[in-house]
């Protein structure tokens, strides 16, 4: 290799030698259209996500909205209440997910939109990617994604933690608000 060698000729294949976290193929969301809505706090991403969820449900689609924000208020406009986060609920059973029922962490909102608040660690602590990953695993474990047409991740975009990029691994489309 020398300075005249094109850079692409010695670059490793996609993902090889990369320090990027690769998604476990078993955690892939299949059969549903998946959107990730990103934006800084207070910009209107939860309103946008909820409006998209409501619109898709009005078109007859089965919709799941997953809030990925430590404030766990993504689905407030759909449910009219703050819901417990998946991590809060897992904590009550000492992280033994087999002890949970879907009713413990998933709630029905406006026009049948199913709502889950993954939550996340406070800014500067922990990893949001872990929280999103555990939420998707739990939804798959309970077969809750099989009958879903549209999944919308509402993701806080002004957190430095790279884990909040994990919904992009699932998403077909991303919206930045």
N, C-alpha and C. Protein backbone atom coordinates (compact mmCIF):
# COMPACT_ATOMS: atom_id res chain seq x y z
N UNK A 1 0.86 -1.17 0.00
CA UNK A 1 0.00 0.00 0.00
C UNK A 1 0.90 1.24 0.00
N UNK A 2 0.56 2.20 -0.84
CA UNK A 2 1.32 3.45 -0.86
C UNK A 2 0.34 4.62 -0.97
N UNK A 3 0.86 5.80 -1.01
CA UNK A 3 0.00 6.98 -1.04
C UNK A 3 -0.79 7.10 -2.33
N UNK A 4 -0.36 6.40 -3.38
CA UNK A 4 -1.05 6.47 -4.66
C UNK A 4 -2.13 5.40 -4.80
N UNK A 5 -2.22 4.51 -3.82
CA UNK A 5 -3.25 3.47 -3.84
C UNK A 5 -4.57 4.10 -3.45
N UNK A 6 -5.61 3.90 -4.27
CA UNK A 6 -6.92 4.46 -3.89
C UNK A 6 -7.35 3.94 -2.52
N UNK A 7 -7.89 4.81 -1.72
CA UNK A 7 -8.27 4.46 -0.35
C UNK A 7 -9.25 3.28 -0.32
N UNK A 8 -10.19 3.25 -1.26
CA UNK A 8 -11.20 2.20 -1.25
C UNK A 8 -10.61 0.82 -1.51
N UNK A 9 -9.42 0.74 -2.11
CA UNK A 9 -8.86 -0.57 -2.42
C UNK A 9 -8.31 -1.28 -1.19
N UNK A 10 -8.03 -0.55 -0.10
CA UNK A 10 -7.54 -1.22 1.09
C UNK A 10 -8.48 -1.06 2.29
N UNK A 11 -9.65 -0.53 2.06
CA UNK A 11 -10.64 -0.41 3.13
C UNK A 11 -11.25 -1.78 3.41
N UNK A 12 -11.48 -2.13 4.68
CA UNK A 12 -12.09 -3.42 4.99
C UNK A 12 -13.53 -3.46 4.49
N UNK A 13 -14.04 -4.65 4.18
CA UNK A 13 -15.45 -4.77 3.78
C UNK A 13 -16.37 -4.17 4.85
N UNK A 14 -17.56 -3.81 4.44
CA UNK A 14 -18.52 -3.17 5.34
C UNK A 14 -18.67 -3.96 6.64
N UNK A 15 -18.41 -3.30 7.75
CA UNK A 15 -18.58 -3.91 9.06
C UNK A 15 -17.36 -4.65 9.56
N UNK A 16 -16.50 -5.13 8.67
CA UNK A 16 -15.33 -5.89 9.09
C UNK A 16 -14.32 -4.95 9.73
N UNK A 17 -13.87 -5.28 10.91
CA UNK A 17 -12.91 -4.45 11.60
C UNK A 17 -13.54 -3.21 12.21
N UNK A 18 -14.83 -3.08 12.10
CA UNK A 18 -15.53 -1.91 12.61
C UNK A 18 -15.81 -2.08 14.09
N UNK A 19 -15.85 -0.98 14.79
CA UNK A 19 -16.21 -1.03 16.20
C UNK A 19 -17.70 -0.76 16.39
N UNK A 20 -18.43 -0.67 15.29
CA UNK A 20 -19.86 -0.43 15.38
C UNK A 20 -20.55 -1.66 15.95
N UNK A 21 -21.58 -1.43 16.73
CA UNK A 21 -22.37 -2.53 17.27
C UNK A 21 -23.28 -3.03 16.17
N UNK A 22 -23.26 -4.32 15.94
CA UNK A 22 -24.12 -4.91 14.92
C UNK A 22 -25.37 -5.46 15.59
N UNK A 23 -26.51 -5.26 14.95
CA UNK A 23 -27.77 -5.74 15.49
C UNK A 23 -27.85 -7.26 15.32
N UNK A 24 -28.31 -7.94 16.35
CA UNK A 24 -28.54 -9.38 16.28
C UNK A 24 -29.67 -9.61 15.29
N UNK A 25 -29.47 -10.42 14.25
CA UNK A 25 -30.52 -10.65 13.25
C UNK A 25 -31.83 -11.16 13.85
N UNK A 26 -31.74 -11.81 15.00
CA UNK A 26 -32.97 -12.31 15.65
C UNK A 26 -33.83 -11.17 16.17
N UNK A 27 -33.23 -9.99 16.34
CA UNK A 27 -33.97 -8.83 16.85
C UNK A 27 -34.56 -7.97 15.74
N UNK A 28 -34.39 -8.38 14.51
CA UNK A 28 -34.91 -7.61 13.38
C UNK A 28 -36.44 -7.58 13.43
N UNK A 29 -37.00 -6.43 13.17
CA UNK A 29 -38.46 -6.28 13.11
C UNK A 29 -38.88 -6.58 11.69
N UNK A 30 -39.59 -7.67 11.51
CA UNK A 30 -39.99 -8.10 10.16
C UNK A 30 -41.48 -7.86 9.94
N UNK A 31 -41.82 -7.52 8.71
CA UNK A 31 -43.22 -7.40 8.33
C UNK A 31 -43.87 -6.05 8.58
N UNK A 32 -43.23 -5.20 9.34
CA UNK A 32 -43.80 -3.88 9.64
C UNK A 32 -42.95 -2.79 8.99
N UNK A 33 -43.59 -1.69 8.64
CA UNK A 33 -42.86 -0.49 8.22
C UNK A 33 -42.37 0.17 9.50
N UNK A 34 -41.08 0.47 9.56
CA UNK A 34 -40.49 1.01 10.78
C UNK A 34 -39.92 2.40 10.49
N UNK A 35 -40.34 3.36 11.31
CA UNK A 35 -39.89 4.75 11.20
C UNK A 35 -39.19 5.14 12.49
N UNK A 36 -38.14 5.94 12.39
CA UNK A 36 -37.49 6.52 13.55
C UNK A 36 -37.59 8.04 13.43
N UNK A 37 -38.19 8.67 14.42
CA UNK A 37 -38.37 10.12 14.42
C UNK A 37 -37.40 10.70 15.45
N UNK A 38 -36.48 11.53 14.98
CA UNK A 38 -35.45 12.13 15.84
C UNK A 38 -35.65 13.63 15.93
N UNK A 39 -35.27 14.19 17.08
CA UNK A 39 -35.30 15.63 17.25
C UNK A 39 -34.87 15.98 18.66
N UNK A 40 -34.41 17.20 18.84
CA UNK A 40 -34.01 17.63 20.18
C UNK A 40 -35.25 17.82 21.04
N UNK A 41 -35.06 17.78 22.33
CA UNK A 41 -36.17 17.93 23.26
C UNK A 41 -36.93 19.23 23.04
N UNK A 42 -38.25 19.15 23.02
CA UNK A 42 -39.10 20.33 22.90
C UNK A 42 -39.34 20.81 21.48
N UNK A 43 -38.80 20.12 20.49
CA UNK A 43 -38.91 20.58 19.11
C UNK A 43 -40.21 20.11 18.45
N UNK A 44 -40.87 19.09 19.01
CA UNK A 44 -42.12 18.60 18.45
C UNK A 44 -42.06 17.19 17.88
N UNK A 45 -41.01 16.44 18.22
CA UNK A 45 -40.88 15.09 17.67
C UNK A 45 -41.94 14.15 18.23
N UNK A 46 -42.30 14.28 19.49
CA UNK A 46 -43.35 13.42 20.06
C UNK A 46 -44.71 13.76 19.47
N UNK A 47 -44.96 15.03 19.24
CA UNK A 47 -46.20 15.44 18.59
C UNK A 47 -46.24 14.88 17.17
N UNK A 48 -45.13 14.99 16.45
CA UNK A 48 -45.05 14.45 15.10
C UNK A 48 -45.25 12.93 15.11
N UNK A 49 -44.58 12.25 16.03
CA UNK A 49 -44.70 10.78 16.13
C UNK A 49 -46.14 10.38 16.43
N UNK A 50 -46.75 11.05 17.38
CA UNK A 50 -48.13 10.73 17.75
C UNK A 50 -49.11 11.02 16.62
N UNK A 51 -48.88 12.12 15.90
CA UNK A 51 -49.74 12.43 14.75
C UNK A 51 -49.58 11.38 13.65
N UNK A 52 -48.36 10.93 13.41
CA UNK A 52 -48.14 9.86 12.43
C UNK A 52 -48.83 8.58 12.88
N UNK A 53 -48.70 8.24 14.16
CA UNK A 53 -49.35 7.04 14.69
C UNK A 53 -50.86 7.12 14.52
N UNK A 54 -51.43 8.26 14.87
CA UNK A 54 -52.88 8.45 14.74
C UNK A 54 -53.31 8.35 13.27
N UNK A 55 -52.55 8.98 12.38
CA UNK A 55 -52.89 8.96 10.95
C UNK A 55 -52.83 7.54 10.39
N UNK A 56 -51.76 6.81 10.70
CA UNK A 56 -51.66 5.43 10.22
C UNK A 56 -52.79 4.57 10.77
N UNK A 57 -53.15 4.80 12.04
CA UNK A 57 -54.24 4.01 12.62
C UNK A 57 -55.57 4.34 11.95
N UNK A 58 -55.77 5.60 11.59
CA UNK A 58 -56.99 6.01 10.89
C UNK A 58 -57.07 5.39 9.49
N UNK A 59 -55.92 5.06 8.93
CA UNK A 59 -55.88 4.39 7.62
C UNK A 59 -56.08 2.88 7.75
N UNK A 60 -56.31 2.42 8.98
CA UNK A 60 -56.58 1.01 9.20
C UNK A 60 -55.36 0.17 9.55
N UNK A 61 -54.22 0.80 9.77
CA UNK A 61 -53.01 0.05 10.12
C UNK A 61 -52.93 -0.19 11.62
N UNK A 62 -52.31 -1.30 11.99
CA UNK A 62 -52.04 -1.60 13.40
C UNK A 62 -50.69 -0.97 13.73
N UNK A 63 -50.71 -0.04 14.68
CA UNK A 63 -49.56 0.82 14.94
C UNK A 63 -49.03 0.60 16.35
N UNK A 64 -47.70 0.61 16.47
CA UNK A 64 -47.02 0.57 17.75
C UNK A 64 -46.08 1.76 17.81
N UNK A 65 -46.23 2.61 18.82
CA UNK A 65 -45.31 3.73 19.02
C UNK A 65 -44.45 3.43 20.22
N UNK A 66 -43.13 3.55 20.04
CA UNK A 66 -42.17 3.27 21.11
C UNK A 66 -41.43 4.57 21.44
N UNK A 67 -41.64 5.07 22.64
CA UNK A 67 -40.95 6.27 23.10
C UNK A 67 -39.59 5.90 23.66
N UNK A 68 -38.56 6.59 23.20
CA UNK A 68 -37.18 6.32 23.63
C UNK A 68 -36.60 7.59 24.25
N UNK A 69 -37.13 7.98 25.37
CA UNK A 69 -36.75 9.23 26.01
C UNK A 69 -36.84 9.03 27.52
N UNK A 70 -35.83 9.46 28.27
CA UNK A 70 -35.89 9.32 29.73
C UNK A 70 -37.13 9.96 30.36
N UNK A 71 -37.69 10.99 29.72
CA UNK A 71 -38.88 11.65 30.28
C UNK A 71 -40.14 10.80 30.13
N UNK A 72 -40.10 9.79 29.33
CA UNK A 72 -41.19 8.85 29.01
C UNK A 72 -42.54 9.53 28.78
N UNK A 73 -42.52 10.59 27.96
CA UNK A 73 -43.76 11.31 27.66
C UNK A 73 -44.13 11.27 26.17
N UNK A 74 -43.49 10.40 25.42
CA UNK A 74 -43.73 10.31 23.98
C UNK A 74 -45.18 10.01 23.63
N UNK A 75 -45.79 9.13 24.39
CA UNK A 75 -47.14 8.67 24.05
C UNK A 75 -48.23 9.36 24.87
N UNK A 76 -47.86 10.40 25.59
CA UNK A 76 -48.82 11.09 26.45
C UNK A 76 -50.05 11.58 25.68
N UNK A 77 -49.84 12.12 24.48
CA UNK A 77 -50.99 12.64 23.72
C UNK A 77 -51.89 11.51 23.22
N UNK A 78 -51.38 10.30 23.16
CA UNK A 78 -52.19 9.16 22.71
C UNK A 78 -52.90 8.47 23.87
N UNK A 79 -52.26 8.45 25.04
CA UNK A 79 -52.82 7.72 26.19
C UNK A 79 -53.42 8.63 27.26
N UNK A 80 -53.09 9.91 27.21
CA UNK A 80 -53.53 10.90 28.20
C UNK A 80 -52.96 10.64 29.60
N UNK A 81 -51.83 9.91 29.66
CA UNK A 81 -51.18 9.68 30.95
C UNK A 81 -49.71 9.33 30.71
N UNK A 82 -48.89 9.53 31.74
CA UNK A 82 -47.51 9.08 31.70
C UNK A 82 -47.50 7.60 32.05
N UNK A 83 -46.86 6.81 31.22
CA UNK A 83 -46.83 5.37 31.43
C UNK A 83 -45.48 4.97 32.03
N UNK A 84 -45.45 3.84 32.73
CA UNK A 84 -44.16 3.36 33.23
C UNK A 84 -43.28 2.92 32.06
N UNK A 85 -41.98 3.04 32.23
CA UNK A 85 -41.07 2.61 31.17
C UNK A 85 -40.81 1.12 31.27
N UNK A 86 -40.35 0.55 30.18
CA UNK A 86 -40.00 -0.87 30.17
C UNK A 86 -38.93 -1.15 31.22
N UNK A 87 -37.94 -0.27 31.32
CA UNK A 87 -36.87 -0.48 32.29
C UNK A 87 -37.42 -0.39 33.72
N UNK A 88 -38.33 0.54 34.00
CA UNK A 88 -38.94 0.63 35.33
C UNK A 88 -39.68 -0.65 35.67
N UNK A 89 -40.42 -1.18 34.70
CA UNK A 89 -41.19 -2.40 34.92
C UNK A 89 -40.25 -3.59 35.10
N UNK A 90 -39.20 -3.67 34.29
CA UNK A 90 -38.22 -4.76 34.45
C UNK A 90 -37.55 -4.71 35.82
N UNK A 91 -37.31 -3.50 36.30
CA UNK A 91 -36.69 -3.34 37.62
C UNK A 91 -37.55 -3.95 38.72
N UNK A 92 -38.87 -3.86 38.59
CA UNK A 92 -39.77 -4.40 39.62
C UNK A 92 -39.71 -5.92 39.71
N UNK A 93 -39.26 -6.57 38.64
CA UNK A 93 -39.14 -8.04 38.66
C UNK A 93 -37.66 -8.45 38.58
N UNK A 94 -36.78 -7.55 39.04
CA UNK A 94 -35.34 -7.78 39.07
C UNK A 94 -34.80 -8.25 37.71
N UNK A 95 -35.33 -7.66 36.65
CA UNK A 95 -34.92 -7.89 35.27
C UNK A 95 -35.14 -9.33 34.80
N UNK A 96 -36.12 -10.02 35.40
CA UNK A 96 -36.54 -11.35 34.93
C UNK A 96 -37.71 -11.13 33.98
N UNK A 97 -37.40 -10.91 32.71
CA UNK A 97 -38.43 -10.54 31.73
C UNK A 97 -39.51 -11.61 31.57
N UNK A 98 -39.18 -12.85 31.88
CA UNK A 98 -40.18 -13.92 31.75
C UNK A 98 -41.35 -13.75 32.72
N UNK A 99 -41.18 -12.90 33.73
CA UNK A 99 -42.25 -12.67 34.70
C UNK A 99 -43.22 -11.57 34.26
N UNK A 100 -42.93 -10.91 33.15
CA UNK A 100 -43.77 -9.81 32.69
C UNK A 100 -44.85 -10.28 31.73
N UNK A 101 -45.96 -9.56 31.77
CA UNK A 101 -47.04 -9.72 30.79
C UNK A 101 -47.06 -8.45 29.95
N UNK A 102 -47.55 -8.53 28.72
CA UNK A 102 -47.61 -7.32 27.88
C UNK A 102 -48.37 -6.17 28.55
N UNK A 103 -49.40 -6.50 29.32
CA UNK A 103 -50.19 -5.45 30.00
C UNK A 103 -49.35 -4.65 31.00
N UNK A 104 -48.21 -5.18 31.39
CA UNK A 104 -47.37 -4.49 32.36
C UNK A 104 -46.64 -3.29 31.76
N UNK A 105 -46.43 -3.31 30.45
CA UNK A 105 -45.62 -2.25 29.84
C UNK A 105 -46.19 -1.69 28.53
N UNK A 106 -47.27 -2.26 28.02
CA UNK A 106 -47.86 -1.77 26.78
C UNK A 106 -49.29 -1.34 27.04
N UNK A 107 -49.65 -0.17 26.52
CA UNK A 107 -50.96 0.39 26.78
C UNK A 107 -51.60 0.83 25.47
N UNK A 108 -52.92 0.72 25.41
CA UNK A 108 -53.62 1.14 24.21
C UNK A 108 -53.93 2.63 24.29
N UNK A 109 -53.65 3.31 23.19
CA UNK A 109 -53.91 4.74 23.11
C UNK A 109 -54.98 5.05 22.09
N UNK A 110 -54.98 6.27 21.63
CA UNK A 110 -55.96 6.78 20.68
C UNK A 110 -56.12 5.84 19.48
N UNK A 111 -57.36 5.53 19.15
CA UNK A 111 -57.72 4.74 17.97
C UNK A 111 -56.98 3.40 17.88
N UNK A 112 -56.67 2.82 19.04
CA UNK A 112 -56.05 1.50 19.06
C UNK A 112 -54.54 1.49 18.90
N UNK A 113 -53.90 2.66 18.87
CA UNK A 113 -52.44 2.69 18.78
C UNK A 113 -51.88 2.07 20.05
N UNK A 114 -50.99 1.08 19.89
CA UNK A 114 -50.34 0.46 21.04
C UNK A 114 -49.12 1.31 21.41
N UNK A 115 -48.95 1.55 22.70
CA UNK A 115 -47.93 2.49 23.17
C UNK A 115 -47.00 1.84 24.18
N UNK A 116 -45.71 2.02 23.96
CA UNK A 116 -44.68 1.52 24.86
C UNK A 116 -43.69 2.65 25.10
N UNK A 117 -43.30 2.81 26.34
CA UNK A 117 -42.26 3.78 26.68
C UNK A 117 -41.01 3.00 27.10
N UNK A 118 -40.02 2.96 26.23
CA UNK A 118 -38.77 2.28 26.55
C UNK A 118 -38.06 3.05 27.66
N UNK A 119 -38.17 4.36 27.60
CA UNK A 119 -37.47 5.19 28.56
C UNK A 119 -36.01 5.31 28.16
N UNK A 120 -35.18 5.48 29.13
CA UNK A 120 -33.75 5.60 28.87
C UNK A 120 -33.08 6.16 30.09
N UNK A 121 -31.78 6.03 30.14
CA UNK A 121 -31.06 6.55 31.30
C UNK A 121 -31.02 8.08 31.25
N UNK A 122 -30.91 8.71 32.40
CA UNK A 122 -30.76 10.17 32.41
C UNK A 122 -29.50 10.56 31.62
N UNK A 123 -29.50 11.75 31.08
CA UNK A 123 -28.36 12.23 30.28
C UNK A 123 -27.05 12.03 31.04
N UNK A 124 -26.08 11.48 30.34
CA UNK A 124 -24.75 11.29 30.93
C UNK A 124 -24.58 10.00 31.70
N UNK A 125 -25.62 9.16 31.77
CA UNK A 125 -25.52 7.89 32.49
C UNK A 125 -26.09 6.78 31.64
N UNK A 126 -25.46 5.65 31.62
CA UNK A 126 -26.00 4.48 30.93
C UNK A 126 -26.04 4.64 29.42
N UNK A 127 -26.71 3.66 28.78
CA UNK A 127 -26.77 3.64 27.32
C UNK A 127 -28.20 3.45 26.85
N UNK A 128 -28.67 4.36 26.02
CA UNK A 128 -30.02 4.28 25.47
C UNK A 128 -30.21 3.10 24.55
N UNK A 129 -29.13 2.66 23.89
CA UNK A 129 -29.23 1.52 22.99
C UNK A 129 -29.61 0.25 23.71
N UNK A 130 -29.10 0.08 24.92
CA UNK A 130 -29.46 -1.10 25.72
C UNK A 130 -30.96 -1.11 25.98
N UNK A 131 -31.49 0.03 26.33
CA UNK A 131 -32.91 0.15 26.65
C UNK A 131 -33.77 -0.19 25.43
N UNK A 132 -33.43 0.36 24.28
CA UNK A 132 -34.18 0.09 23.06
C UNK A 132 -34.07 -1.39 22.71
N UNK A 133 -32.87 -1.94 22.81
CA UNK A 133 -32.67 -3.36 22.51
C UNK A 133 -33.49 -4.26 23.40
N UNK A 134 -33.51 -3.97 24.70
CA UNK A 134 -34.30 -4.78 25.63
C UNK A 134 -35.79 -4.66 25.33
N UNK A 135 -36.22 -3.48 24.93
CA UNK A 135 -37.64 -3.28 24.60
C UNK A 135 -38.03 -4.11 23.39
N UNK A 136 -37.23 -4.07 22.34
CA UNK A 136 -37.54 -4.84 21.14
C UNK A 136 -37.53 -6.33 21.46
N UNK A 137 -36.55 -6.79 22.25
CA UNK A 137 -36.50 -8.21 22.64
C UNK A 137 -37.76 -8.61 23.39
N UNK A 138 -38.20 -7.76 24.29
CA UNK A 138 -39.40 -8.05 25.07
C UNK A 138 -40.64 -8.11 24.18
N UNK A 139 -40.75 -7.19 23.25
CA UNK A 139 -41.88 -7.18 22.32
C UNK A 139 -41.88 -8.44 21.46
N UNK A 140 -40.69 -8.87 21.02
CA UNK A 140 -40.59 -10.10 20.22
C UNK A 140 -40.90 -11.33 21.07
N UNK A 141 -40.41 -11.33 22.29
CA UNK A 141 -40.65 -12.45 23.22
C UNK A 141 -42.14 -12.68 23.42
N UNK A 142 -42.90 -11.60 23.47
CA UNK A 142 -44.35 -11.70 23.66
C UNK A 142 -45.12 -11.69 22.33
N UNK A 143 -44.40 -11.81 21.21
CA UNK A 143 -45.01 -11.89 19.87
C UNK A 143 -45.88 -10.67 19.56
N UNK A 144 -45.47 -9.51 20.03
CA UNK A 144 -46.28 -8.30 19.85
C UNK A 144 -45.97 -7.55 18.56
N UNK A 145 -44.92 -7.95 17.88
CA UNK A 145 -44.59 -7.27 16.62
C UNK A 145 -45.15 -8.00 15.41
N UNK A 146 -45.62 -9.22 15.62
CA UNK A 146 -46.09 -10.04 14.50
C UNK A 146 -47.35 -9.49 13.85
N UNK A 147 -48.21 -8.87 14.63
CA UNK A 147 -49.46 -8.33 14.09
C UNK A 147 -49.42 -6.82 13.98
N UNK A 148 -48.25 -6.26 13.81
CA UNK A 148 -48.09 -4.82 13.73
C UNK A 148 -47.72 -4.42 12.31
N UNK A 149 -48.40 -3.41 11.78
CA UNK A 149 -48.12 -2.93 10.42
C UNK A 149 -47.09 -1.81 10.40
N UNK A 150 -47.13 -0.95 11.43
CA UNK A 150 -46.26 0.23 11.48
C UNK A 150 -45.68 0.35 12.89
N UNK A 151 -44.37 0.54 12.98
CA UNK A 151 -43.69 0.80 14.25
C UNK A 151 -43.03 2.17 14.13
N UNK A 152 -43.30 3.02 15.12
CA UNK A 152 -42.70 4.36 15.13
C UNK A 152 -41.88 4.52 16.40
N UNK A 153 -40.57 4.71 16.24
CA UNK A 153 -39.68 5.01 17.35
C UNK A 153 -39.59 6.52 17.48
N UNK A 154 -39.85 7.04 18.67
CA UNK A 154 -39.73 8.47 18.96
C UNK A 154 -38.46 8.63 19.78
N UNK A 155 -37.41 9.20 19.17
CA UNK A 155 -36.08 9.15 19.77
C UNK A 155 -35.52 10.54 20.04
N UNK A 156 -35.06 10.74 21.25
CA UNK A 156 -34.41 11.98 21.65
C UNK A 156 -33.12 12.12 20.85
N UNK A 157 -32.96 13.21 20.15
CA UNK A 157 -31.82 13.37 19.27
C UNK A 157 -30.70 14.23 19.81
N UNK A 158 -30.88 14.81 20.99
CA UNK A 158 -29.83 15.70 21.49
C UNK A 158 -29.07 15.08 22.66
N UNK A 159 -29.01 13.75 22.69
CA UNK A 159 -28.24 13.04 23.70
C UNK A 159 -26.98 12.52 23.02
N UNK A 160 -25.86 12.63 23.68
CA UNK A 160 -24.59 12.26 23.09
C UNK A 160 -24.44 10.74 22.95
N UNK A 161 -25.09 9.97 23.79
CA UNK A 161 -24.96 8.51 23.78
C UNK A 161 -25.25 7.93 22.40
N UNK A 162 -24.32 7.20 21.86
CA UNK A 162 -24.50 6.58 20.55
C UNK A 162 -25.60 5.54 20.53
N UNK A 163 -25.99 5.05 21.69
CA UNK A 163 -27.04 4.04 21.76
C UNK A 163 -28.37 4.50 21.23
N UNK A 164 -28.59 5.80 21.23
CA UNK A 164 -29.86 6.31 20.72
C UNK A 164 -29.93 6.22 19.19
N UNK A 165 -28.84 5.80 18.58
CA UNK A 165 -28.87 5.54 17.13
C UNK A 165 -29.41 4.14 16.85
N UNK A 166 -29.56 3.31 17.87
CA UNK A 166 -29.98 1.92 17.64
C UNK A 166 -31.34 1.79 16.95
N UNK A 167 -32.31 2.68 17.16
CA UNK A 167 -33.56 2.54 16.39
C UNK A 167 -33.33 2.63 14.88
N UNK A 168 -32.27 3.31 14.46
CA UNK A 168 -31.97 3.39 13.03
C UNK A 168 -31.66 2.02 12.45
N UNK A 169 -31.15 1.11 13.28
CA UNK A 169 -30.87 -0.24 12.79
C UNK A 169 -32.16 -0.96 12.42
N UNK A 170 -33.26 -0.58 13.04
CA UNK A 170 -34.55 -1.20 12.75
C UNK A 170 -35.32 -0.46 11.67
N UNK A 171 -35.06 0.83 11.54
CA UNK A 171 -35.91 1.70 10.72
C UNK A 171 -35.63 1.61 9.22
N UNK A 172 -36.71 1.68 8.46
CA UNK A 172 -36.61 1.82 7.01
C UNK A 172 -36.47 3.29 6.64
N UNK A 173 -37.08 4.14 7.46
CA UNK A 173 -37.08 5.57 7.20
C UNK A 173 -36.79 6.31 8.51
N UNK A 174 -36.09 7.43 8.39
CA UNK A 174 -35.85 8.28 9.54
C UNK A 174 -36.35 9.68 9.22
N UNK A 175 -36.96 10.31 10.21
CA UNK A 175 -37.42 11.68 10.09
C UNK A 175 -36.69 12.50 11.13
N UNK A 176 -36.20 13.65 10.74
CA UNK A 176 -35.55 14.55 11.67
C UNK A 176 -36.45 15.77 11.81
N UNK A 177 -36.87 16.03 13.04
CA UNK A 177 -37.78 17.15 13.31
C UNK A 177 -36.97 18.31 13.85
